[in-house]
Amino acid sequence: MIITHSREKLINAVLYFSQKTKFCGKTKLMKLLYFLDFMHFKETGKSVTDLNYFAWEQGPVPKTFFEEISESPRKDLKSLVTIKDTGDFQHISPQKGKKPDLDFFSPRELKLLKDISFIFRDVQAKEISDISHLPNEPWNTTKITKGMFELIDYSLAIDRKSAQKLPLDIAKQRHLERQEMLNNFGVI
């Protein structure tokens, strides 16, 4: 069985973002995770958290994780962060004394966590939406070509117009191989 540590990376990324950014609500968090996963995919051909994102009205949303946070956070997540509903805002803050376990992340993943947190530290969700909704970005392309509430293809993160570290065909192949391995051998 293959051990991916996707869940550990997800909950520790949530804790990291909740500690390192202001105004960390549910919407902002979904966008921070989106940038983490899609920027990493753009560079390597694989996401960090293995979440699937959908084109919702307010932007890209990892549906299953969004539902977990909204309805019933699992014990491992609740042990690290507090999710406080204040009407129209769900504030996500670190549990007192908790620190993210950064050992689960590769150096590249850690750099992305730090860079994304720095860039969006003082920004509210609306301002991040403006970036994730730009023309030719994966959310917008999915909305136009497939429609709302459809799965956003990670390969849309690859910019076909400029030279990238990872060509589109290689990224797609790596993604397919990874999915095949996970399907054949299972995941812990």
N, C-alpha and C. Protein backbone atom coordinates (compact mmCIF):
# COMPACT_ATOMS: atom_id res chain seq x y z
N MET A 1 0.83 -1.18 0.00
CA MET A 1 0.00 0.00 0.00
C MET A 1 0.88 1.25 0.00
N ILE A 2 0.49 2.25 -0.76
CA ILE A 2 1.25 3.49 -0.85
C ILE A 2 0.81 4.44 0.25
N ILE A 3 1.77 5.04 0.92
CA ILE A 3 1.46 6.02 1.96
C ILE A 3 1.74 7.40 1.38
N THR A 4 0.71 8.23 1.26
CA THR A 4 0.87 9.55 0.64
C THR A 4 0.92 10.69 1.65
N HIS A 5 0.39 10.47 2.82
CA HIS A 5 0.32 11.50 3.86
C HIS A 5 -0.51 12.71 3.41
N SER A 6 -1.43 12.49 2.49
CA SER A 6 -2.26 13.60 1.98
C SER A 6 -3.07 14.26 3.09
N ARG A 7 -3.64 13.47 3.96
CA ARG A 7 -4.45 14.02 5.05
C ARG A 7 -3.57 14.82 6.02
N GLU A 8 -2.42 14.27 6.35
CA GLU A 8 -1.53 14.98 7.25
C GLU A 8 -1.08 16.31 6.64
N LYS A 9 -0.78 16.30 5.34
CA LYS A 9 -0.39 17.53 4.66
C LYS A 9 -1.55 18.53 4.67
N LEU A 10 -2.75 18.04 4.44
CA LEU A 10 -3.93 18.92 4.41
C LEU A 10 -4.14 19.59 5.77
N ILE A 11 -4.21 18.82 6.83
CA ILE A 11 -4.52 19.43 8.13
C ILE A 11 -3.38 20.32 8.62
N ASN A 12 -2.15 19.96 8.30
CA ASN A 12 -1.02 20.81 8.70
C ASN A 12 -0.93 22.07 7.84
N ALA A 13 -1.35 22.00 6.59
CA ALA A 13 -1.43 23.21 5.75
C ALA A 13 -2.52 24.13 6.30
N VAL A 14 -3.64 23.56 6.73
CA VAL A 14 -4.71 24.37 7.32
C VAL A 14 -4.19 25.07 8.58
N LEU A 15 -3.51 24.34 9.44
CA LEU A 15 -2.96 24.93 10.66
C LEU A 15 -1.94 26.02 10.31
N TYR A 16 -1.09 25.75 9.35
CA TYR A 16 -0.07 26.72 8.94
C TYR A 16 -0.73 28.01 8.42
N PHE A 17 -1.68 27.87 7.51
CA PHE A 17 -2.36 29.05 6.96
C PHE A 17 -3.12 29.81 8.05
N SER A 18 -3.72 29.08 8.99
CA SER A 18 -4.48 29.76 10.05
C SER A 18 -3.55 30.55 10.97
N GLN A 19 -2.31 30.11 11.10
CA GLN A 19 -1.34 30.82 11.94
C GLN A 19 -0.67 31.97 11.21
N LYS A 20 -0.44 31.81 9.93
CA LYS A 20 0.41 32.75 9.20
C LYS A 20 -0.36 33.80 8.39
N THR A 21 -1.70 33.71 8.35
CA THR A 21 -2.46 34.71 7.59
C THR A 21 -3.54 35.33 8.47
N LYS A 22 -3.93 36.54 8.14
CA LYS A 22 -5.04 37.22 8.81
C LYS A 22 -6.32 36.92 8.05
N PHE A 23 -7.45 37.12 8.70
CA PHE A 23 -8.76 36.93 8.08
C PHE A 23 -8.93 35.52 7.51
N CYS A 24 -8.42 34.53 8.23
CA CYS A 24 -8.49 33.16 7.72
C CYS A 24 -9.86 32.56 8.00
N GLY A 25 -10.72 32.73 7.04
CA GLY A 25 -12.04 32.12 7.10
C GLY A 25 -12.10 30.96 6.12
N LYS A 26 -13.26 30.36 6.04
CA LYS A 26 -13.42 29.18 5.19
C LYS A 26 -13.14 29.50 3.72
N THR A 27 -13.65 30.62 3.22
CA THR A 27 -13.46 30.96 1.81
C THR A 27 -11.99 31.21 1.51
N LYS A 28 -11.34 31.99 2.34
CA LYS A 28 -9.92 32.28 2.12
C LYS A 28 -9.11 30.99 2.18
N LEU A 29 -9.41 30.14 3.15
CA LEU A 29 -8.68 28.89 3.30
C LEU A 29 -8.81 28.02 2.05
N MET A 30 -10.03 27.92 1.48
CA MET A 30 -10.22 27.11 0.28
C MET A 30 -9.34 27.62 -0.86
N LYS A 31 -9.22 28.93 -0.96
CA LYS A 31 -8.41 29.52 -2.03
C LYS A 31 -6.91 29.32 -1.77
N LEU A 32 -6.49 29.41 -0.53
CA LEU A 32 -5.09 29.17 -0.21
C LEU A 32 -4.70 27.73 -0.53
N LEU A 33 -5.57 26.79 -0.20
CA LEU A 33 -5.31 25.38 -0.53
C LEU A 33 -5.28 25.17 -2.04
N TYR A 34 -6.18 25.84 -2.74
CA TYR A 34 -6.22 25.77 -4.20
C TYR A 34 -4.88 26.25 -4.79
N PHE A 35 -4.41 27.39 -4.34
CA PHE A 35 -3.14 27.89 -4.86
C PHE A 35 -1.99 26.94 -4.52
N LEU A 36 -1.99 26.40 -3.33
CA LEU A 36 -0.95 25.44 -2.93
C LEU A 36 -0.95 24.24 -3.88
N ASP A 37 -2.11 23.65 -4.09
CA ASP A 37 -2.21 22.45 -4.92
C ASP A 37 -1.92 22.73 -6.39
N PHE A 38 -2.50 23.79 -6.93
CA PHE A 38 -2.35 24.05 -8.36
C PHE A 38 -0.96 24.60 -8.71
N MET A 39 -0.36 25.37 -7.83
CA MET A 39 1.00 25.85 -8.09
C MET A 39 1.99 24.68 -8.01
N HIS A 40 1.77 23.79 -7.06
CA HIS A 40 2.64 22.62 -6.95
C HIS A 40 2.46 21.72 -8.17
N PHE A 41 1.23 21.55 -8.62
CA PHE A 41 0.98 20.73 -9.80
C PHE A 41 1.68 21.35 -11.02
N LYS A 42 1.62 22.65 -11.12
CA LYS A 42 2.24 23.35 -12.26
C LYS A 42 3.74 23.04 -12.32
N GLU A 43 4.36 22.91 -11.16
CA GLU A 43 5.80 22.67 -11.10
C GLU A 43 6.18 21.19 -11.17
N THR A 44 5.31 20.32 -10.68
CA THR A 44 5.72 18.91 -10.50
C THR A 44 4.80 17.88 -11.16
N GLY A 45 3.58 18.26 -11.48
CA GLY A 45 2.64 17.28 -12.02
C GLY A 45 1.85 16.55 -10.96
N LYS A 46 1.93 17.00 -9.70
CA LYS A 46 1.10 16.40 -8.64
C LYS A 46 0.72 17.48 -7.63
N SER A 47 -0.42 17.26 -7.00
CA SER A 47 -0.89 18.22 -6.00
C SER A 47 -0.27 17.87 -4.64
N VAL A 48 -0.46 18.73 -3.68
CA VAL A 48 0.06 18.49 -2.33
C VAL A 48 -0.94 17.67 -1.52
N THR A 49 -2.21 18.04 -1.58
CA THR A 49 -3.22 17.45 -0.70
C THR A 49 -4.07 16.36 -1.35
N ASP A 50 -3.97 16.22 -2.66
CA ASP A 50 -4.80 15.27 -3.42
C ASP A 50 -6.30 15.61 -3.38
N LEU A 51 -6.63 16.86 -3.09
CA LEU A 51 -8.03 17.28 -3.11
C LEU A 51 -8.49 17.49 -4.54
N ASN A 52 -9.78 17.28 -4.78
CA ASN A 52 -10.39 17.60 -6.07
C ASN A 52 -11.17 18.90 -5.91
N TYR A 53 -10.93 19.84 -6.82
CA TYR A 53 -11.56 21.17 -6.76
C TYR A 53 -12.64 21.29 -7.82
N PHE A 54 -13.69 22.00 -7.46
CA PHE A 54 -14.83 22.21 -8.36
C PHE A 54 -15.05 23.69 -8.57
N ALA A 55 -15.59 24.03 -9.72
CA ALA A 55 -15.85 25.43 -10.08
C ALA A 55 -17.18 25.87 -9.47
N TRP A 56 -17.12 26.40 -8.27
CA TRP A 56 -18.30 26.94 -7.61
C TRP A 56 -18.38 28.43 -7.89
N GLU A 57 -19.49 29.01 -7.56
CA GLU A 57 -19.73 30.43 -7.86
C GLU A 57 -18.65 31.35 -7.29
N GLN A 58 -18.23 31.10 -6.07
CA GLN A 58 -17.23 31.98 -5.45
C GLN A 58 -15.80 31.56 -5.73
N GLY A 59 -15.61 30.56 -6.57
CA GLY A 59 -14.27 30.15 -6.94
C GLY A 59 -14.05 28.66 -6.82
N PRO A 60 -12.78 28.24 -6.89
CA PRO A 60 -12.46 26.82 -6.79
C PRO A 60 -12.64 26.32 -5.36
N VAL A 61 -13.33 25.20 -5.22
CA VAL A 61 -13.63 24.66 -3.89
C VAL A 61 -13.37 23.15 -3.87
N PRO A 62 -12.58 22.68 -2.88
CA PRO A 62 -12.45 21.24 -2.69
C PRO A 62 -13.69 20.75 -1.94
N LYS A 63 -14.66 20.27 -2.68
CA LYS A 63 -16.00 20.01 -2.16
C LYS A 63 -16.02 19.15 -0.89
N THR A 64 -15.32 18.04 -0.88
CA THR A 64 -15.39 17.15 0.29
C THR A 64 -14.82 17.82 1.54
N PHE A 65 -13.72 18.55 1.38
CA PHE A 65 -13.13 19.22 2.54
C PHE A 65 -13.99 20.41 2.97
N PHE A 66 -14.56 21.11 2.03
CA PHE A 66 -15.48 22.21 2.34
C PHE A 66 -16.65 21.69 3.18
N GLU A 67 -17.21 20.56 2.77
CA GLU A 67 -18.33 19.97 3.50
C GLU A 67 -17.89 19.52 4.90
N GLU A 68 -16.69 18.98 5.00
CA GLU A 68 -16.19 18.57 6.31
C GLU A 68 -16.10 19.76 7.25
N ILE A 69 -15.48 20.83 6.79
CA ILE A 69 -15.33 22.03 7.64
C ILE A 69 -16.70 22.62 7.98
N SER A 70 -17.61 22.61 7.04
CA SER A 70 -18.92 23.22 7.24
C SER A 70 -19.82 22.41 8.16
N GLU A 71 -19.72 21.09 8.10
CA GLU A 71 -20.68 20.24 8.79
C GLU A 71 -20.11 19.51 10.01
N SER A 72 -19.01 18.82 9.79
CA SER A 72 -18.50 17.99 10.89
C SER A 72 -17.01 17.73 10.71
N PRO A 73 -16.18 18.66 11.21
CA PRO A 73 -14.73 18.45 11.10
C PRO A 73 -14.29 17.18 11.83
N ARG A 74 -13.40 16.45 11.20
CA ARG A 74 -12.89 15.23 11.80
C ARG A 74 -12.01 15.56 13.01
N LYS A 75 -11.82 14.57 13.84
CA LYS A 75 -11.10 14.74 15.11
C LYS A 75 -9.69 15.29 14.90
N ASP A 76 -8.98 14.79 13.88
CA ASP A 76 -7.60 15.25 13.67
C ASP A 76 -7.55 16.74 13.32
N LEU A 77 -8.53 17.24 12.61
CA LEU A 77 -8.59 18.66 12.27
C LEU A 77 -8.99 19.48 13.49
N LYS A 78 -10.02 19.01 14.22
CA LYS A 78 -10.48 19.73 15.41
C LYS A 78 -9.41 19.81 16.49
N SER A 79 -8.48 18.88 16.49
CA SER A 79 -7.42 18.92 17.50
C SER A 79 -6.38 20.00 17.19
N LEU A 80 -6.38 20.52 15.96
CA LEU A 80 -5.38 21.52 15.57
C LEU A 80 -5.95 22.92 15.42
N VAL A 81 -7.20 23.03 14.95
CA VAL A 81 -7.78 24.36 14.71
C VAL A 81 -9.17 24.46 15.32
N THR A 82 -9.56 25.72 15.56
CA THR A 82 -10.91 26.02 16.00
C THR A 82 -11.64 26.67 14.83
N ILE A 83 -12.85 26.23 14.59
CA ILE A 83 -13.67 26.80 13.52
C ILE A 83 -14.85 27.46 14.21
N LYS A 84 -14.84 28.79 14.21
CA LYS A 84 -15.87 29.54 14.91
C LYS A 84 -16.77 30.25 13.91
N ASP A 85 -18.05 29.92 13.97
CA ASP A 85 -19.03 30.53 13.07
C ASP A 85 -19.52 31.84 13.68
N THR A 86 -19.30 32.93 12.98
CA THR A 86 -19.73 34.25 13.46
C THR A 86 -20.76 34.84 12.51
N GLY A 87 -21.71 34.06 12.12
CA GLY A 87 -22.75 34.52 11.20
C GLY A 87 -22.37 34.22 9.76
N ASP A 88 -21.89 35.24 9.06
CA ASP A 88 -21.54 35.04 7.65
C ASP A 88 -20.05 34.74 7.46
N PHE A 89 -19.33 34.50 8.55
CA PHE A 89 -17.89 34.25 8.47
C PHE A 89 -17.53 33.10 9.40
N GLN A 90 -16.82 32.13 8.87
CA GLN A 90 -16.32 31.04 9.69
C GLN A 90 -14.83 31.26 9.89
N HIS A 91 -14.45 31.74 11.07
CA HIS A 91 -13.06 32.04 11.36
C HIS A 91 -12.33 30.76 11.76
N ILE A 92 -11.17 30.56 11.16
CA ILE A 92 -10.36 29.38 11.44
C ILE A 92 -9.09 29.85 12.13
N SER A 93 -8.89 29.37 13.35
CA SER A 93 -7.72 29.79 14.12
C SER A 93 -7.04 28.57 14.72
N PRO A 94 -5.72 28.69 14.98
CA PRO A 94 -5.00 27.55 15.56
C PRO A 94 -5.41 27.30 17.00
N GLN A 95 -5.44 26.05 17.38
CA GLN A 95 -5.63 25.70 18.79
C GLN A 95 -4.41 26.19 19.55
N LYS A 96 -4.60 26.65 20.76
CA LYS A 96 -3.51 27.17 21.57
C LYS A 96 -2.38 26.15 21.70
N GLY A 97 -1.18 26.61 21.41
CA GLY A 97 0.01 25.78 21.56
C GLY A 97 0.28 24.80 20.43
N LYS A 98 -0.60 24.73 19.45
CA LYS A 98 -0.42 23.78 18.35
C LYS A 98 0.46 24.40 17.27
N LYS A 99 1.36 23.59 16.74
CA LYS A 99 2.24 24.02 15.66
C LYS A 99 2.14 22.98 14.54
N PRO A 100 2.19 23.45 13.29
CA PRO A 100 2.10 22.48 12.19
C PRO A 100 3.32 21.55 12.17
N ASP A 101 3.08 20.32 11.83
CA ASP A 101 4.16 19.35 11.65
C ASP A 101 4.64 19.48 10.21
N LEU A 102 5.71 20.20 10.02
CA LEU A 102 6.22 20.50 8.68
C LEU A 102 7.05 19.36 8.10
N ASP A 103 7.28 18.30 8.89
CA ASP A 103 8.05 17.16 8.40
C ASP A 103 7.34 16.40 7.27
N PHE A 104 6.04 16.59 7.16
CA PHE A 104 5.29 15.90 6.10
C PHE A 104 5.52 16.53 4.73
N PHE A 105 6.04 17.75 4.69
CA PHE A 105 6.16 18.50 3.44
C PHE A 105 7.58 18.41 2.86
N SER A 106 7.62 18.37 1.55
CA SER A 106 8.91 18.43 0.85
C SER A 106 9.42 19.87 0.91
N PRO A 107 10.69 20.10 0.62
CA PRO A 107 11.19 21.48 0.58
C PRO A 107 10.41 22.38 -0.39
N ARG A 108 10.03 21.86 -1.52
CA ARG A 108 9.25 22.63 -2.50
C ARG A 108 7.87 22.98 -1.92
N GLU A 109 7.22 22.01 -1.28
CA GLU A 109 5.91 22.25 -0.67
C GLU A 109 6.01 23.30 0.44
N LEU A 110 7.06 23.21 1.25
CA LEU A 110 7.28 24.19 2.32
C LEU A 110 7.47 25.59 1.77
N LYS A 111 8.23 25.70 0.70
CA LYS A 111 8.45 27.01 0.08
C LYS A 111 7.14 27.59 -0.42
N LEU A 112 6.31 26.76 -1.04
CA LEU A 112 5.01 27.23 -1.50
C LEU A 112 4.12 27.67 -0.33
N LEU A 113 4.09 26.88 0.74
CA LEU A 113 3.32 27.27 1.93
C LEU A 113 3.75 28.65 2.43
N LYS A 114 5.05 28.84 2.54
CA LYS A 114 5.59 30.11 3.02
C LYS A 114 5.28 31.25 2.06
N ASP A 115 5.49 31.03 0.77
CA ASP A 115 5.26 32.08 -0.23
C ASP A 115 3.79 32.48 -0.29
N ILE A 116 2.90 31.50 -0.32
CA ILE A 116 1.46 31.77 -0.40
C ILE A 116 1.01 32.51 0.85
N SER A 117 1.49 32.08 2.01
CA SER A 117 1.12 32.76 3.26
C SER A 117 1.62 34.20 3.28
N PHE A 118 2.82 34.42 2.79
CA PHE A 118 3.38 35.77 2.75
C PHE A 118 2.58 36.66 1.79
N ILE A 119 2.31 36.15 0.60
CA ILE A 119 1.60 36.93 -0.42
C ILE A 119 0.20 37.31 0.04
N PHE A 120 -0.51 36.37 0.66
CA PHE A 120 -1.91 36.58 1.02
C PHE A 120 -2.12 36.85 2.51
N ARG A 121 -1.07 37.15 3.23
CA ARG A 121 -1.15 37.34 4.68
C ARG A 121 -2.22 38.34 5.11
N ASP A 122 -2.23 39.50 4.52
CA ASP A 122 -3.13 40.58 4.94
C ASP A 122 -4.36 40.74 4.04
N VAL A 123 -4.60 39.78 3.19
CA VAL A 123 -5.64 39.89 2.17
C VAL A 123 -6.92 39.18 2.64
N GLN A 124 -8.06 39.76 2.28
CA GLN A 124 -9.34 39.11 2.58
C GLN A 124 -9.76 38.23 1.40
N ALA A 125 -10.73 37.38 1.62
CA ALA A 125 -11.15 36.39 0.62
C ALA A 125 -11.55 37.04 -0.71
N LYS A 126 -12.21 38.17 -0.69
CA LYS A 126 -12.65 38.83 -1.92
C LYS A 126 -11.47 39.16 -2.82
N GLU A 127 -10.40 39.63 -2.22
CA GLU A 127 -9.22 39.98 -3.02
C GLU A 127 -8.55 38.75 -3.62
N ILE A 128 -8.58 37.64 -2.91
CA ILE A 128 -8.03 36.40 -3.46
C ILE A 128 -8.93 35.90 -4.58
N SER A 129 -10.24 36.08 -4.44
CA SER A 129 -11.18 35.67 -5.48
C SER A 129 -10.86 36.36 -6.80
N ASP A 130 -10.51 37.63 -6.71
CA ASP A 130 -10.18 38.37 -7.93
C ASP A 130 -9.04 37.70 -8.68
N ILE A 131 -8.10 37.12 -7.96
CA ILE A 131 -6.95 36.45 -8.58
C ILE A 131 -7.35 35.08 -9.12
N SER A 132 -8.08 34.31 -8.35
CA SER A 132 -8.45 32.96 -8.79
C SER A 132 -9.48 32.99 -9.92
N HIS A 133 -10.13 34.13 -10.14
CA HIS A 133 -11.15 34.25 -11.17
C HIS A 133 -10.64 34.88 -12.46
N LEU A 134 -9.34 35.12 -12.55
CA LEU A 134 -8.78 35.75 -13.75
C LEU A 134 -9.05 34.92 -15.00
N PRO A 135 -9.17 35.58 -16.15
CA PRO A 135 -9.35 34.85 -17.42
C PRO A 135 -8.18 33.89 -17.64
N ASN A 136 -8.48 32.76 -18.23
CA ASN A 136 -7.52 31.71 -18.57
C ASN A 136 -6.95 30.97 -17.35
N GLU A 137 -7.43 31.27 -16.17
CA GLU A 137 -7.04 30.48 -15.00
C GLU A 137 -7.96 29.26 -14.92
N PRO A 138 -7.54 28.20 -14.22
CA PRO A 138 -8.32 26.95 -14.21
C PRO A 138 -9.79 27.10 -13.84
N TRP A 139 -10.11 27.92 -12.82
CA TRP A 139 -11.52 28.08 -12.43
C TRP A 139 -12.33 28.69 -13.57
N ASN A 140 -11.82 29.77 -14.16
CA ASN A 140 -12.53 30.46 -15.23
C ASN A 140 -12.67 29.57 -16.47
N THR A 141 -11.60 28.88 -16.82
CA THR A 141 -11.64 27.99 -17.98
C THR A 141 -12.67 26.89 -17.78
N THR A 142 -12.71 26.32 -16.59
CA THR A 142 -13.69 25.26 -16.29
C THR A 142 -15.10 25.82 -16.36
N LYS A 143 -15.31 26.97 -15.78
CA LYS A 143 -16.63 27.61 -15.79
C LYS A 143 -17.11 27.82 -17.22
N ILE A 144 -16.23 28.26 -18.09
CA ILE A 144 -16.60 28.56 -19.47
C ILE A 144 -16.79 27.29 -20.30
N THR A 145 -15.88 26.32 -20.14
CA THR A 145 -15.92 25.14 -21.00
C THR A 145 -16.83 24.02 -20.50
N LYS A 146 -16.94 23.85 -19.19
CA LYS A 146 -17.74 22.76 -18.62
C LYS A 146 -18.99 23.24 -17.90
N GLY A 147 -18.90 24.42 -17.30
CA GLY A 147 -20.02 24.94 -16.53
C GLY A 147 -19.72 24.94 -15.04
N MET A 148 -20.62 25.54 -14.30
CA MET A 148 -20.45 25.64 -12.85
C MET A 148 -20.60 24.27 -12.19
N PHE A 149 -19.94 24.11 -11.05
CA PHE A 149 -19.96 22.93 -10.20
C PHE A 149 -19.29 21.70 -10.83
N GLU A 150 -18.50 21.94 -11.86
CA GLU A 150 -17.77 20.85 -12.50
C GLU A 150 -16.35 20.76 -11.96
N LEU A 151 -15.76 19.58 -12.08
CA LEU A 151 -14.41 19.32 -11.62
C LEU A 151 -13.40 20.15 -12.42
N ILE A 152 -12.47 20.78 -11.72
CA ILE A 152 -11.41 21.55 -12.36
C ILE A 152 -10.23 20.60 -12.62
N ASP A 153 -9.83 20.50 -13.87
CA ASP A 153 -8.73 19.63 -14.27
C ASP A 153 -7.41 20.28 -13.86
N TYR A 154 -6.60 19.54 -13.11
CA TYR A 154 -5.31 20.07 -12.67
C TYR A 154 -4.43 20.50 -13.85
N SER A 155 -4.56 19.82 -14.98
CA SER A 155 -3.69 20.16 -16.11
C SER A 155 -3.92 21.57 -16.62
N LEU A 156 -5.03 22.19 -16.25
CA LEU A 156 -5.28 23.58 -16.63
C LEU A 156 -4.31 24.54 -15.93
N ALA A 157 -3.60 24.06 -14.93
CA ALA A 157 -2.61 24.89 -14.24
C ALA A 157 -1.38 25.12 -15.10
N ILE A 158 -1.18 24.25 -16.08
CA ILE A 158 -0.01 24.38 -16.94
C ILE A 158 -0.29 25.46 -17.98
N ASP A 159 0.54 26.48 -17.99
CA ASP A 159 0.41 27.60 -18.93
C ASP A 159 0.98 27.16 -20.28
N ARG A 160 0.12 27.03 -21.25
CA ARG A 160 0.53 26.55 -22.56
C ARG A 160 1.27 27.61 -23.37
N LYS A 161 1.22 28.88 -22.95
CA LYS A 161 1.80 29.96 -23.74
C LYS A 161 3.25 30.26 -23.39
N SER A 162 3.68 29.88 -22.22
CA SER A 162 5.06 30.20 -21.84
C SER A 162 5.83 28.93 -21.51
N ALA A 163 7.12 29.05 -21.53
CA ALA A 163 7.97 27.90 -21.19
C ALA A 163 7.82 27.60 -19.71
N GLN A 164 7.51 26.37 -19.39
CA GLN A 164 7.31 25.95 -18.01
C GLN A 164 8.41 25.01 -17.58
N LYS A 165 8.54 24.83 -16.29
CA LYS A 165 9.49 23.86 -15.77
C LYS A 165 9.07 22.45 -16.17
N LEU A 166 7.77 22.25 -16.33
CA LEU A 166 7.24 20.93 -16.63
C LEU A 166 6.27 21.03 -17.80
N PRO A 167 6.59 20.42 -18.94
CA PRO A 167 5.67 20.47 -20.08
C PRO A 167 4.34 19.80 -19.77
N LEU A 168 3.28 20.27 -20.42
CA LEU A 168 1.93 19.78 -20.18
C LEU A 168 1.81 18.28 -20.35
N ASP A 169 2.37 17.72 -21.42
CA ASP A 169 2.23 16.29 -21.66
C ASP A 169 2.90 15.45 -20.57
N ILE A 170 4.02 15.92 -20.05
CA ILE A 170 4.70 15.20 -18.96
C ILE A 170 3.89 15.31 -17.67
N ALA A 171 3.34 16.49 -17.40
CA ALA A 171 2.51 16.67 -16.21
C ALA A 171 1.29 15.76 -16.26
N LYS A 172 0.63 15.71 -17.42
CA LYS A 172 -0.55 14.84 -17.56
C LYS A 172 -0.17 13.37 -17.35
N GLN A 173 0.95 12.96 -17.92
CA GLN A 173 1.40 11.58 -17.78
C GLN A 173 1.69 11.24 -16.32
N ARG A 174 2.38 12.14 -15.63
CA ARG A 174 2.68 11.91 -14.20
C ARG A 174 1.39 11.81 -13.39
N HIS A 175 0.44 12.68 -13.69
CA HIS A 175 -0.84 12.65 -12.97
C HIS A 175 -1.56 11.33 -13.22
N LEU A 176 -1.61 10.88 -14.47
CA LEU A 176 -2.26 9.61 -14.79
C LEU A 176 -1.57 8.44 -14.09
N GLU A 177 -0.23 8.44 -14.10
CA GLU A 177 0.50 7.37 -13.44
C GLU A 177 0.24 7.35 -11.94
N ARG A 178 0.19 8.53 -11.34
CA ARG A 178 -0.08 8.63 -9.90
C ARG A 178 -1.49 8.11 -9.59
N GLN A 179 -2.47 8.51 -10.38
CA GLN A 179 -3.85 8.04 -10.17
C GLN A 179 -3.94 6.53 -10.33
N GLU A 180 -3.23 5.99 -11.33
CA GLU A 180 -3.24 4.56 -11.55
C GLU A 180 -2.62 3.80 -10.37
N MET A 181 -1.50 4.32 -9.85
CA MET A 181 -0.86 3.70 -8.68
C MET A 181 -1.80 3.73 -7.48
N LEU A 182 -2.44 4.88 -7.24
CA LEU A 182 -3.34 4.99 -6.10
C LEU A 182 -4.53 4.05 -6.25
N ASN A 183 -5.07 3.95 -7.47
CA ASN A 183 -6.21 3.06 -7.71
C ASN A 183 -5.82 1.59 -7.55
N ASN A 184 -4.63 1.23 -8.01
CA ASN A 184 -4.21 -0.18 -7.98
C ASN A 184 -3.70 -0.64 -6.63
N PHE A 185 -3.04 0.26 -5.91
CA PHE A 185 -2.38 -0.16 -4.68
C PHE A 185 -3.00 0.40 -3.41
N GLY A 186 -3.95 1.31 -3.55
CA GLY A 186 -4.59 1.87 -2.38
C GLY A 186 -3.80 2.98 -1.74
N VAL A 187 -4.43 3.64 -0.80
CA VAL A 187 -3.83 4.78 -0.13
C VAL A 187 -4.09 4.66 1.35
N ILE A 188 -3.10 5.08 2.13
CA ILE A 188 -3.31 5.16 3.58
C ILE A 188 -3.47 6.60 3.93
